[in-house]
Protein backbone atom coordinates (compact mmCIF):
# COMPACT_ATOMS: atom_id res chain seq x y z
CA MET A 1 -20.71 -8.03 -2.75
CA PRO A 2 -18.99 -10.48 -0.39
CA ILE A 3 -15.54 -11.77 -1.20
CA ARG A 4 -15.60 -15.24 -2.69
CA GLN A 5 -13.03 -17.73 -1.44
CA THR A 6 -12.12 -18.38 -5.07
CA ASP A 7 -11.05 -14.70 -5.37
CA ILE A 8 -8.87 -15.02 -2.28
CA ASP A 9 -7.33 -18.28 -3.54
CA LEU A 10 -6.58 -16.68 -6.89
CA ALA A 11 -5.00 -13.62 -5.29
CA LEU A 12 -2.77 -15.88 -3.19
CA ARG A 13 -1.69 -17.77 -6.30
CA LEU A 14 -0.90 -14.45 -8.02
CA ALA A 15 1.33 -13.54 -5.05
CA ASP A 16 3.05 -16.95 -5.24
CA ALA A 17 3.72 -16.46 -8.95
CA ALA A 18 5.08 -12.95 -8.46
CA GLY A 19 7.39 -14.09 -5.65
CA GLU A 20 8.77 -16.93 -7.77
CA ALA A 21 9.55 -14.41 -10.51
CA ILE A 22 11.17 -11.86 -8.18
CA ARG A 23 13.36 -13.96 -5.87
CA PRO A 24 16.00 -14.97 -8.45
CA TYR A 25 16.74 -11.28 -9.17
CA PHE A 26 17.11 -10.07 -5.57
CA ARG A 27 20.64 -8.81 -4.86
CA THR A 28 21.74 -10.03 -8.30
CA GLU A 29 21.94 -8.43 -11.74
CA HIS A 30 18.39 -7.13 -12.06
CA GLY A 31 18.72 -4.92 -15.17
CA VAL A 32 17.49 -1.61 -13.76
CA GLU A 33 16.18 0.99 -16.21
CA ILE A 34 14.80 4.47 -15.59
CA LYS A 35 11.31 5.02 -17.00
CA GLU A 36 9.97 8.22 -18.55
CA ASP A 37 8.59 9.33 -15.17
CA HIS A 38 12.13 8.91 -13.75
CA SER A 39 11.14 5.92 -11.58
CA PRO A 40 13.20 2.73 -11.77
CA VAL A 41 11.99 -0.54 -13.25
CA THR A 42 13.76 -3.89 -13.29
CA LEU A 43 13.55 -7.26 -15.02
CA ALA A 44 11.93 -8.50 -11.79
CA ASP A 45 9.06 -5.98 -11.97
CA ARG A 46 8.31 -7.03 -15.56
CA ALA A 47 8.68 -10.77 -14.92
CA ALA A 48 6.37 -10.61 -11.89
CA GLU A 49 3.63 -8.66 -13.60
CA THR A 50 3.82 -10.89 -16.68
CA ALA A 51 3.42 -13.96 -14.47
CA MET A 52 0.35 -12.51 -12.73
CA ARG A 53 -1.27 -11.33 -15.96
CA ARG A 54 -0.80 -14.74 -17.55
CA ILE A 55 -2.87 -16.33 -14.75
CA LEU A 56 -5.60 -13.65 -14.92
CA ASP A 57 -5.84 -13.80 -18.71
CA ALA A 58 -6.33 -17.57 -18.48
CA GLU A 59 -8.79 -17.64 -15.55
CA ARG A 60 -10.52 -14.26 -15.34
CA SER A 61 -10.53 -13.04 -18.92
CA GLY A 62 -13.59 -10.86 -18.32
CA ASP A 63 -12.05 -8.91 -15.43
CA GLY A 64 -10.07 -5.74 -16.04
CA ILE A 65 -6.41 -5.37 -15.10
CA VAL A 66 -4.51 -2.28 -13.99
CA GLY A 67 -0.80 -2.89 -13.75
CA GLU A 68 2.12 -0.53 -13.13
CA GLU A 69 4.29 -1.94 -15.91
CA TYR A 70 1.85 -3.04 -18.60
CA GLY A 71 -1.08 -0.64 -18.17
CA VAL A 72 -4.80 -1.14 -18.33
CA LYS A 73 -6.79 -3.98 -19.82
CA ASP A 74 -10.51 -3.19 -19.94
CA GLY A 75 -12.93 -5.76 -18.58
CA VAL A 76 -16.67 -6.40 -18.70
CA THR A 77 -17.42 -7.46 -15.10
CA GLY A 78 -16.99 -4.22 -13.12
CA ARG A 79 -14.03 -5.84 -11.40
CA GLN A 80 -10.35 -4.93 -11.84
CA TRP A 81 -7.25 -6.69 -10.58
CA VAL A 82 -4.79 -3.95 -9.65
CA LEU A 83 -1.15 -5.04 -9.68
CA ASP A 84 2.09 -3.44 -8.55
CA PRO A 85 4.69 -6.21 -9.01
CA ILE A 86 7.35 -4.42 -6.94
CA ASP A 87 6.19 -1.53 -4.81
CA GLY A 88 9.49 -0.09 -3.61
CA THR A 89 11.71 -0.76 -6.60
CA ARG A 90 14.34 1.56 -5.11
CA SER A 91 14.49 -0.61 -1.99
CA PHE A 92 14.64 -3.71 -4.17
CA THR A 93 17.57 -2.41 -6.22
CA ALA A 94 19.32 -1.40 -3.00
CA GLY A 95 19.01 -4.96 -1.63
CA ARG A 96 16.50 -3.97 1.12
CA ALA A 97 13.80 -6.58 1.73
CA ILE A 98 11.07 -4.01 2.55
CA PHE A 99 9.54 -3.82 -0.94
CA GLY A 100 6.40 -5.78 -1.71
CA THR A 101 4.10 -7.10 -4.39
CA LEU A 102 0.67 -5.42 -4.19
CA ILE A 103 -2.43 -7.20 -5.48
CA ALA A 104 -5.91 -5.71 -5.16
CA LEU A 105 -9.37 -6.62 -6.38
CA VAL A 106 -11.41 -3.47 -7.02
CA GLU A 107 -15.16 -3.72 -7.63
CA ASP A 108 -17.01 -0.72 -9.05
CA GLY A 109 -14.11 1.46 -7.94
CA TRP A 110 -13.90 0.12 -4.37
CA PRO A 111 -10.95 -1.98 -3.17
CA ILE A 112 -12.42 -5.12 -1.58
CA LEU A 113 -9.36 -7.40 -1.43
CA GLY A 114 -5.69 -6.64 -0.89
CA ILE A 115 -2.39 -8.47 -0.53
CA ILE A 116 1.02 -7.15 0.48
CA ASP A 117 3.55 -9.89 -0.23
CA GLN A 118 7.22 -9.58 0.86
CA PRO A 119 8.72 -12.46 -1.09
CA ILE A 120 12.21 -12.47 0.48
CA GLN A 121 11.13 -12.52 4.12
CA ARG A 122 8.04 -14.47 3.04
CA GLU A 123 5.60 -12.25 4.89
CA ARG A 124 2.12 -11.92 3.43
CA TRP A 125 -0.69 -9.66 4.58
CA LEU A 126 -4.19 -10.41 3.34
CA GLY A 127 -7.13 -8.08 3.78
CA ALA A 128 -10.64 -8.84 2.50
CA ALA A 129 -13.89 -6.92 3.03
CA GLY A 130 -15.73 -8.26 6.07
CA GLN A 131 -12.83 -10.41 7.26
CA PRO A 132 -9.99 -9.80 9.76
CA THR A 133 -6.64 -9.03 8.20
CA THR A 134 -4.07 -11.77 8.47
CA LEU A 135 -0.26 -11.89 8.36
CA ASN A 136 0.90 -15.35 7.22
CA GLY A 137 -2.52 -16.70 8.11
CA ARG A 138 -2.76 -15.24 11.66
CA ALA A 139 -5.11 -12.37 12.44
CA VAL A 140 -3.40 -9.05 13.23
CA ARG A 141 -4.68 -5.82 14.76
CA THR A 142 -3.60 -2.22 14.75
CA ARG A 143 -2.62 -0.82 18.13
CA ALA A 144 -4.31 1.83 20.26
CA CYS A 145 -2.70 5.27 20.19
CA ALA A 146 -3.80 7.43 23.10
CA THR A 147 -2.30 10.73 21.89
CA LEU A 148 -1.05 12.01 18.57
CA GLU A 149 2.14 13.21 20.26
CA GLY A 150 4.47 10.22 20.47
CA ALA A 151 2.76 8.34 17.65
CA LEU A 152 5.13 6.50 15.34
CA LEU A 153 4.81 8.05 11.89
CA ALA A 154 6.28 6.70 8.65
CA THR A 155 6.62 7.86 5.03
CA THR A 156 8.69 6.48 2.20
CA SER A 157 10.45 9.72 1.25
CA PRO A 158 10.05 13.39 2.15
CA HIS A 159 11.06 14.12 -1.46
CA ALA A 160 7.76 12.66 -2.72
CA PHE A 161 5.77 15.65 -1.46
CA SER A 162 5.11 18.84 -3.41
CA GLY A 163 5.86 22.15 -1.66
CA GLU A 164 2.42 22.53 -0.05
CA GLU A 165 2.24 18.83 0.78
CA ALA A 166 5.68 18.98 2.39
CA ASP A 167 4.51 21.86 4.63
CA ALA A 168 1.47 19.85 5.66
CA PHE A 169 3.60 16.74 6.31
CA LEU A 170 6.06 18.73 8.44
CA ALA A 171 3.16 20.11 10.45
CA LEU A 172 2.06 16.53 11.11
CA VAL A 173 5.65 15.62 12.06
CA ALA A 174 5.66 18.52 14.55
CA ALA A 175 2.38 17.33 16.09
CA VAL A 176 3.69 13.80 16.42
CA SER A 177 7.13 14.66 17.73
CA GLY A 178 6.12 17.46 20.07
CA GLY A 179 9.17 19.37 18.88
CA HIS A 180 11.61 16.57 19.80
CA ALA A 181 13.77 15.76 16.79
CA ARG A 182 14.58 12.32 18.14
CA GLN A 183 10.91 11.43 17.73
CA GLY A 184 10.95 12.14 14.00
CA PRO A 185 9.41 9.86 11.35
CA VAL A 186 10.54 6.48 10.04
CA TYR A 187 11.68 6.92 6.41
CA GLY A 188 11.69 4.26 3.69
CA GLY A 189 9.36 1.30 3.53
CA ASP A 190 6.80 1.82 0.78
CA CYS A 191 3.93 -0.66 1.15
CA TYR A 192 5.73 -2.48 4.01
CA ASN A 193 4.85 0.41 6.34
CA TYR A 194 1.14 -0.22 5.86
CA GLY A 195 1.58 -3.84 6.81
CA LEU A 196 3.37 -2.65 9.95
CA VAL A 197 0.43 -0.39 10.79
CA ALA A 198 -1.92 -3.32 10.37
CA ALA A 199 0.27 -5.52 12.60
CA GLY A 200 0.44 -2.90 15.35
CA HIS A 201 4.05 -1.71 14.99
CA LEU A 202 3.49 1.72 13.45
CA ASP A 203 0.74 4.23 14.19
CA LEU A 204 0.58 6.40 11.06
CA VAL A 205 1.64 6.55 7.42
CA CYS A 206 1.29 9.78 5.42
CA GLU A 207 2.05 9.84 1.71
CA ALA A 208 1.20 11.69 -1.52
CA GLY A 209 1.53 11.13 -5.24
CA LEU A 210 0.37 7.51 -5.07
CA ALA A 211 -1.32 5.80 -8.04
CA LEU A 212 -4.21 3.36 -7.72
CA TYR A 213 -1.79 0.40 -7.93
CA ASP A 214 0.15 1.91 -4.98
CA PHE A 215 -2.79 2.15 -2.57
CA ALA A 216 -5.70 -0.10 -3.65
CA ALA A 217 -4.33 -3.19 -1.88
CA LEU A 218 -3.53 -1.31 1.29
CA ALA A 219 -7.01 -0.14 2.26
CA PRO A 220 -8.57 -3.57 2.89
CA ILE A 221 -5.48 -4.60 4.86
CA VAL A 222 -5.32 -1.62 7.21
CA GLU A 223 -9.12 -1.45 7.65
CA GLY A 224 -9.48 -5.19 8.20
CA ALA A 225 -7.00 -4.83 11.07
CA GLY A 226 -9.07 -2.10 12.73
CA GLY A 227 -7.35 0.96 11.26
CA ARG A 228 -8.53 3.63 8.91
CA MET A 229 -7.35 4.47 5.41
CA CYS A 230 -8.43 7.73 3.86
CA ASP A 231 -7.23 10.66 1.80
CA TRP A 232 -5.97 13.89 3.34
CA HIS A 233 -9.57 15.13 3.67
CA GLY A 234 -10.75 12.03 5.53
CA ASP A 235 -12.60 10.52 2.59
CA PRO A 236 -12.35 6.79 1.86
CA LEU A 237 -9.99 5.63 -0.88
CA THR A 238 -11.49 4.64 -4.25
CA ALA A 239 -10.25 4.35 -7.83
CA ALA A 240 -11.02 8.09 -8.14
CA SER A 241 -8.81 9.17 -5.21
CA ALA A 242 -6.05 11.66 -5.95
CA GLY A 243 -3.21 9.78 -4.23
CA GLN A 244 -2.82 11.72 -0.96
CA VAL A 245 -3.05 8.82 1.47
CA LEU A 246 -3.24 8.35 5.22
CA ALA A 247 -3.13 5.09 7.17
CA ILE A 248 -4.18 5.61 10.77
CA GLY A 249 -3.84 2.66 13.12
CA ASP A 250 -6.20 4.08 15.76
CA PRO A 251 -9.21 5.70 14.03
CA ALA A 252 -9.79 7.79 17.16
CA ARG A 253 -6.81 9.94 16.12
CA THR A 254 -8.21 10.74 12.65
CA ASP A 255 -9.49 14.25 13.41
CA GLU A 256 -6.23 15.22 15.08
CA VAL A 257 -4.21 13.98 12.11
CA LEU A 258 -6.37 15.93 9.66
CA GLU A 259 -6.20 19.00 11.88
CA ALA A 260 -2.39 18.79 12.03
CA LEU A 261 -2.14 18.40 8.24
CA HIS A 262 -4.43 21.28 7.46
CA GLY A 263 -3.80 23.52 10.45
CA HIS A 264 -7.47 23.80 11.37
CA ALA A 265 -10.31 21.67 12.62
CA HIS A 266 -12.14 19.34 10.27
CA ASP A 267 -15.80 18.49 10.43
CA HIS A 268 -15.22 14.79 9.60
């Protein structure tokens, strides 16, 4: 189903509301707590998600909501708004303006609309099915990447991988760096890295352990800019995906990336 302009307008207003809630807390007393899963949460996360949910409850009461802080609200329309008020809470608490608010519209399990909003630098990526991705209203494109060796690879943290995943990631690092340590990955960045892939500044992001609210918004953004988002087996990302995520700026490199991760050729 095509994206309606009213959906895009609503998503932009959600991003505005989240940014208004977050900015007063940045580099101030933000009341950080550690949740049961050992991840941090702040007053800003909660204020931003509350602001977005208030708008959705008022205007799209039939749609479902999946939010990092306040969980799932079932809907009746087959559509879900997927919210991560601060993706990169660790960066936020460290005063680094590379976190972002993630807003996605998922229809029948498929992400069809996504926003990455960086409210401090006021950078906003918008991806919508069938439309070119924009950064602050201007179309952006991923860049060509002629060889996997020399590609610029990013991940938020090497500590996020399990043992087997870490081995696969290091094999990808080796393929990208050609054995040269100075060509290692870019670390840190959370959702911001995917915006940088879409805008043609990074070539690859490889991550694992992501929840739906971590990746749903990213797929329409990377793909609308000409890139590819998939899991570690090359399959497209849906609400059922396990959270092993690749963003590949130049889709022509996909098979080589999968081969490096798994150590053998893929038939995708």
